[in-house]
Amino acid sequence: MYLMSVQELAEYLGETKRTIYRYIKSGDCPRYIRLTPRSIRFDKHDVDAWLESKKVDPTKEKRRS
């Protein structure tokens, strides 16, 4: 198990820490482990599974007119 901090997750995704906290607040984020009330970590395996679930097949996506 490889645990990532919010900063590491942000770097991995090419996002800012602020964006990661927005994902968490909205509930649209990878599963995480709460170590303390102010410390969370993300398992890289869960992050990769979350990213996989976000893939879009362009041949099946509806076109916007």
C-alpha atoms as a PDB file:
ATOM      1  CA  MET A   1       0.000   0.000   0.000  1.00  0.00           C
ATOM      2  CA  TYR A   2       1.388   3.387  -1.011  1.00  0.00           C
ATOM      3  CA  LEU A   3      -0.242   6.282   0.834  1.00  0.00           C
ATOM      4  CA  MET A   4      -0.309   9.742  -0.679  1.00  0.00           C
ATOM      5  CA  SER A   5      -0.821  13.040   1.126  1.00  0.00           C
ATOM      6  CA  VAL A   6      -3.162  15.682  -0.265  1.00  0.00           C
ATOM      7  CA  GLN A   7      -0.110  17.475  -1.681  1.00  0.00           C
ATOM      8  CA  GLU A   8       1.163  14.295  -3.336  1.00  0.00           C
ATOM      9  CA  LEU A   9      -2.281  13.559  -4.756  1.00  0.00           C
ATOM     10  CA  ALA A  10      -2.496  17.081  -6.138  1.00  0.00           C
ATOM     11  CA  GLU A  11       0.879  16.669  -7.837  1.00  0.00           C
ATOM     12  CA  TYR A  12      -0.076  13.219  -9.163  1.00  0.00           C
ATOM     13  CA  LEU A  13      -3.277  14.596 -10.700  1.00  0.00           C
ATOM     14  CA  GLY A  14      -1.743  17.873 -11.869  1.00  0.00           C
ATOM     15  CA  GLU A  15      -4.171  19.818  -9.687  1.00  0.00           C
ATOM     16  CA  THR A  16      -3.882  22.176  -6.736  1.00  0.00           C
ATOM     17  CA  LYS A  17      -4.435  21.234  -3.106  1.00  0.00           C
ATOM     18  CA  ARG A  18      -7.444  23.541  -3.151  1.00  0.00           C
ATOM     19  CA  THR A  19      -8.989  21.505  -5.979  1.00  0.00           C
ATOM     20  CA  ILE A  20      -8.394  18.279  -4.039  1.00  0.00           C
ATOM     21  CA  TYR A  21     -10.202  19.747  -1.029  1.00  0.00           C
ATOM     22  CA  ARG A  22     -13.076  20.720  -3.335  1.00  0.00           C
ATOM     23  CA  TYR A  23     -13.259  17.111  -4.565  1.00  0.00           C
ATOM     24  CA  ILE A  24     -13.365  15.914  -0.954  1.00  0.00           C
ATOM     25  CA  LYS A  25     -16.061  18.416   0.026  1.00  0.00           C
ATOM     26  CA  SER A  26     -18.228  17.436  -2.956  1.00  0.00           C
ATOM     27  CA  GLY A  27     -17.761  13.722  -2.263  1.00  0.00           C
ATOM     28  CA  ASP A  28     -16.318  13.170  -5.741  1.00  0.00           C
ATOM     29  CA  CYS A  29     -12.900  11.922  -4.716  1.00  0.00           C
ATOM     30  CA  PRO A  30     -11.004   8.689  -4.235  1.00  0.00           C
ATOM     31  CA  ARG A  31     -11.563   6.795  -1.004  1.00  0.00           C
ATOM     32  CA  TYR A  32      -9.225   7.996   1.719  1.00  0.00           C
ATOM     33  CA  ILE A  33      -7.906   7.030   5.124  1.00  0.00           C
ATOM     34  CA  ARG A  34      -8.400   9.460   7.999  1.00  0.00           C
ATOM     35  CA  LEU A  35      -5.329   9.116  10.229  1.00  0.00           C
ATOM     36  CA  THR A  36      -6.292  11.959  12.561  1.00  0.00           C
ATOM     37  CA  PRO A  37      -9.043  14.587  12.440  1.00  0.00           C
ATOM     38  CA  ARG A  38      -6.733  16.790  10.347  1.00  0.00           C
ATOM     39  CA  SER A  39      -4.710  14.218   8.423  1.00  0.00           C
ATOM     40  CA  ILE A  40      -5.891  12.079   5.518  1.00  0.00           C
ATOM     41  CA  ARG A  41      -4.072   9.845   3.079  1.00  0.00           C
ATOM     42  CA  PHE A  42      -5.040   8.297  -0.229  1.00  0.00           C
ATOM     43  CA  ASP A  43      -4.050   4.786  -1.255  1.00  0.00           C
ATOM     44  CA  LYS A  44      -2.579   5.019  -4.759  1.00  0.00           C
ATOM     45  CA  HIS A  45      -4.542   1.908  -5.746  1.00  0.00           C
ATOM     46  CA  ASP A  46      -7.817   3.642  -4.822  1.00  0.00           C
ATOM     47  CA  VAL A  47      -6.740   6.785  -6.674  1.00  0.00           C
ATOM     48  CA  ASP A  48      -5.997   4.792  -9.817  1.00  0.00           C
ATOM     49  CA  ALA A  49      -9.343   2.943  -9.539  1.00  0.00           C
ATOM     50  CA  TRP A  50     -11.139   6.293  -9.135  1.00  0.00           C
ATOM     51  CA  LEU A  51      -9.366   7.652 -12.213  1.00  0.00           C
ATOM     52  CA  GLU A  52     -10.272   4.521 -14.168  1.00  0.00           C
ATOM     53  CA  SER A  53     -13.937   5.081 -13.270  1.00  0.00           C
ATOM     54  CA  LYS A  54     -13.710   8.591 -14.749  1.00  0.00           C
ATOM     55  CA  LYS A  55     -12.735   7.398 -18.218  1.00  0.00           C
ATOM     56  CA  VAL A  56     -15.117   8.380 -20.981  1.00  0.00           C
ATOM     57  CA  ASP A  57     -15.571   6.415 -24.183  1.00  0.00           C
ATOM     58  CA  PRO A  58     -15.892   9.136 -26.826  1.00  0.00           C
ATOM     59  CA  THR A  59     -17.808   6.805 -29.129  1.00  0.00           C
ATOM     60  CA  LYS A  60     -20.532   6.385 -26.522  1.00  0.00           C
ATOM     61  CA  GLU A  61     -20.682   9.943 -25.234  1.00  0.00           C
ATOM     62  CA  LYS A  62     -23.593  11.980 -26.516  1.00  0.00           C
ATOM     63  CA  ARG A  63     -22.635  14.798 -28.812  1.00  0.00           C
ATOM     64  CA  ARG A  64     -23.626  18.285 -27.847  1.00  0.00           C
ATOM     65  CA  SER A  65     -25.220  20.300 -30.602  1.00  0.00           C
END
